[in-house]
């Protein structure tokens, strides 16, 4: 699990900086909470994982259609980490370590912006499921 987080956190190809960010965030998590940080990270990622994604299918002469598909098990966690770290880039005034701790704590409690994004994806895929008879379904 740590390798996946480090690979998604990597800035400018430097593994050492991503490892430092992860270690600082784990230390600050342990100061705030009494719980084990590994369990907290697992709970947060389980709450954030989206099983469905909406994809666009381009057709030759007509407009592209959107349809939901089930995400592969290998892609679920990296997809969640990418979306979580993209939200960090927007907020530049707060350090990345503090943002990571804050997002993981919110995700473990089932609140926050990433949880709302996941719910919106589920609602939108439910609306678009009329195209589910194409290709993979």
Protein backbone atom coordinates (compact mmCIF):
# COMPACT_ATOMS: atom_id res chain seq x y z
CA UNK A 1 0.00 0.00 0.00
CA UNK A 2 2.82 2.41 0.85
CA UNK A 3 4.46 1.86 -2.54
CA UNK A 4 1.28 2.88 -4.34
CA UNK A 5 0.91 6.01 -2.24
CA UNK A 6 4.56 6.93 -2.75
CA UNK A 7 4.34 6.42 -6.51
CA UNK A 8 1.28 8.68 -6.73
CA UNK A 9 2.85 11.31 -4.48
CA UNK A 10 6.06 11.45 -6.50
CA UNK A 11 7.02 14.99 -7.46
CA UNK A 12 9.38 15.55 -10.42
CA UNK A 13 10.54 11.92 -10.30
CA UNK A 14 11.97 12.11 -6.78
CA UNK A 15 10.99 9.19 -4.58
CA UNK A 16 12.77 10.63 -1.54
CA UNK A 17 10.48 13.67 -1.36
CA UNK A 18 7.36 11.53 -1.63
CA UNK A 19 8.66 9.24 1.13
CA UNK A 20 9.31 12.27 3.36
CA UNK A 21 5.81 13.59 2.73
CA UNK A 22 4.28 10.22 3.60
CA UNK A 23 6.36 9.84 6.78
CA UNK A 24 5.54 13.37 7.96
CA UNK A 25 1.84 12.80 7.36
CA UNK A 26 1.94 9.47 9.24
CA UNK A 27 3.69 11.12 12.19
CA UNK A 28 1.16 13.93 12.34
CA UNK A 29 -1.65 11.37 12.07
CA UNK A 30 -0.25 9.48 15.03
CA UNK A 31 -0.06 12.70 17.06
CA UNK A 32 -3.71 13.48 16.37
CA UNK A 33 -5.11 9.97 16.75
CA UNK A 34 -4.53 7.02 19.01
CA UNK A 35 -5.62 4.54 16.31
CA UNK A 36 -3.22 2.65 14.13
CA UNK A 37 -2.40 4.68 11.02
CA UNK A 38 -2.47 1.60 8.74
CA UNK A 39 -6.07 0.82 9.69
CA UNK A 40 -7.04 4.45 9.22
CA UNK A 41 -5.52 4.58 5.72
CA UNK A 42 -7.24 1.31 4.75
CA UNK A 43 -10.62 2.53 6.00
CA UNK A 44 -10.19 5.83 4.17
CA UNK A 45 -9.27 4.15 0.88
CA UNK A 46 -12.14 1.68 1.18
CA UNK A 47 -14.55 4.58 1.67
CA UNK A 48 -13.09 6.47 -1.29
CA UNK A 49 -12.90 3.62 -3.82
CA UNK A 50 -15.36 3.98 -6.66
CA UNK A 51 -16.50 0.75 -8.30
CA UNK A 52 -18.06 2.46 -11.32
CA UNK A 53 -16.67 4.97 -13.78
CA UNK A 54 -18.38 6.79 -16.63
CA UNK A 55 -16.57 6.59 -19.95
CA UNK A 56 -17.24 8.24 -23.31
CA UNK A 57 -17.68 6.07 -26.38
CA UNK A 58 -16.99 7.91 -29.61
CA UNK A 59 -19.08 6.97 -32.60
CA UNK A 60 -18.26 7.80 -36.19
CA UNK A 61 -20.81 10.38 -37.28
CA UNK A 62 -22.86 11.02 -34.21
CA UNK A 63 -22.00 12.50 -30.85
CA UNK A 64 -20.09 10.56 -28.25
CA UNK A 65 -22.14 8.63 -25.72
CA UNK A 66 -21.32 8.15 -22.08
CA UNK A 67 -21.78 4.81 -20.42
CA UNK A 68 -20.86 3.37 -17.01
CA UNK A 69 -18.42 0.51 -16.59
CA UNK A 70 -17.04 -1.42 -13.66
CA UNK A 71 -13.47 -0.50 -12.72
CA UNK A 72 -10.88 -3.28 -12.61
CA UNK A 73 -9.58 -4.21 -9.15
CA UNK A 74 -5.99 -3.29 -10.00
CA UNK A 75 -6.97 0.21 -11.11
CA UNK A 76 -9.31 1.17 -8.25
CA UNK A 77 -6.79 2.28 -5.63
CA UNK A 78 -4.44 4.20 -7.98
CA UNK A 79 -7.48 5.96 -9.47
CA UNK A 80 -8.59 7.07 -5.99
CA UNK A 81 -5.11 8.27 -5.08
CA UNK A 82 -4.78 10.26 -8.31
CA UNK A 83 -8.10 12.01 -7.77
CA UNK A 84 -7.23 12.75 -4.14
CA UNK A 85 -3.81 14.20 -4.99
CA UNK A 86 -5.22 16.30 -7.83
CA UNK A 87 -7.34 18.11 -5.27
CA UNK A 88 -4.15 18.90 -3.30
CA UNK A 89 -2.59 20.80 -6.19
CA UNK A 90 -5.34 23.42 -6.10
CA UNK A 91 -4.66 24.37 -2.49
CA UNK A 92 -1.17 25.83 -2.36
CA UNK A 93 -1.27 27.67 0.98
CA UNK A 94 -1.41 24.48 3.09
CA UNK A 95 1.38 21.90 3.16
CA UNK A 96 0.80 18.60 1.38
CA UNK A 97 1.34 16.56 4.56
CA UNK A 98 -1.45 18.38 6.37
CA UNK A 99 -3.74 18.11 3.36
CA UNK A 100 -3.13 14.35 3.17
CA UNK A 101 -3.89 13.87 6.86
CA UNK A 102 -7.01 16.03 6.63
CA UNK A 103 -8.37 14.16 3.58
CA UNK A 104 -7.66 10.73 5.07
CA UNK A 105 -9.37 11.67 8.34
CA UNK A 106 -12.41 12.97 6.49
CA UNK A 107 -12.56 9.91 4.26
CA UNK A 108 -12.36 7.57 7.25
CA UNK A 109 -15.39 9.39 8.74
CA UNK A 110 -17.25 9.22 5.38
CA UNK A 111 -17.37 12.98 4.91
CA UNK A 112 -15.53 15.38 2.63
CA UNK A 113 -15.27 16.49 -0.97
CA UNK A 114 -13.90 13.20 -2.32
CA UNK A 115 -16.82 11.27 -0.82
CA UNK A 116 -19.21 13.70 -2.51
CA UNK A 117 -17.41 13.18 -5.84
CA UNK A 118 -17.86 9.42 -5.48
CA UNK A 119 -21.56 9.80 -4.75
CA UNK A 120 -21.98 12.09 -7.76
CA UNK A 121 -20.27 9.52 -9.99
CA UNK A 122 -22.63 6.81 -8.75
CA UNK A 123 -25.70 8.99 -9.38
CA UNK A 124 -24.50 9.99 -12.84
CA UNK A 125 -23.68 6.39 -13.79
CA UNK A 126 -27.14 5.31 -12.65
CA UNK A 127 -28.64 7.93 -14.97
CA UNK A 128 -26.43 6.82 -17.87
CA UNK A 129 -26.97 3.09 -17.43
CA UNK A 130 -29.38 2.97 -20.38
CA UNK A 131 -26.28 2.56 -22.57
CA UNK A 132 -25.04 -0.36 -20.52
CA UNK A 133 -25.86 -2.89 -23.25
CA UNK A 134 -22.89 -1.67 -25.30
CA UNK A 135 -19.58 -3.54 -25.39
CA UNK A 136 -18.53 -4.66 -21.91
CA UNK A 137 -21.91 -5.37 -20.36
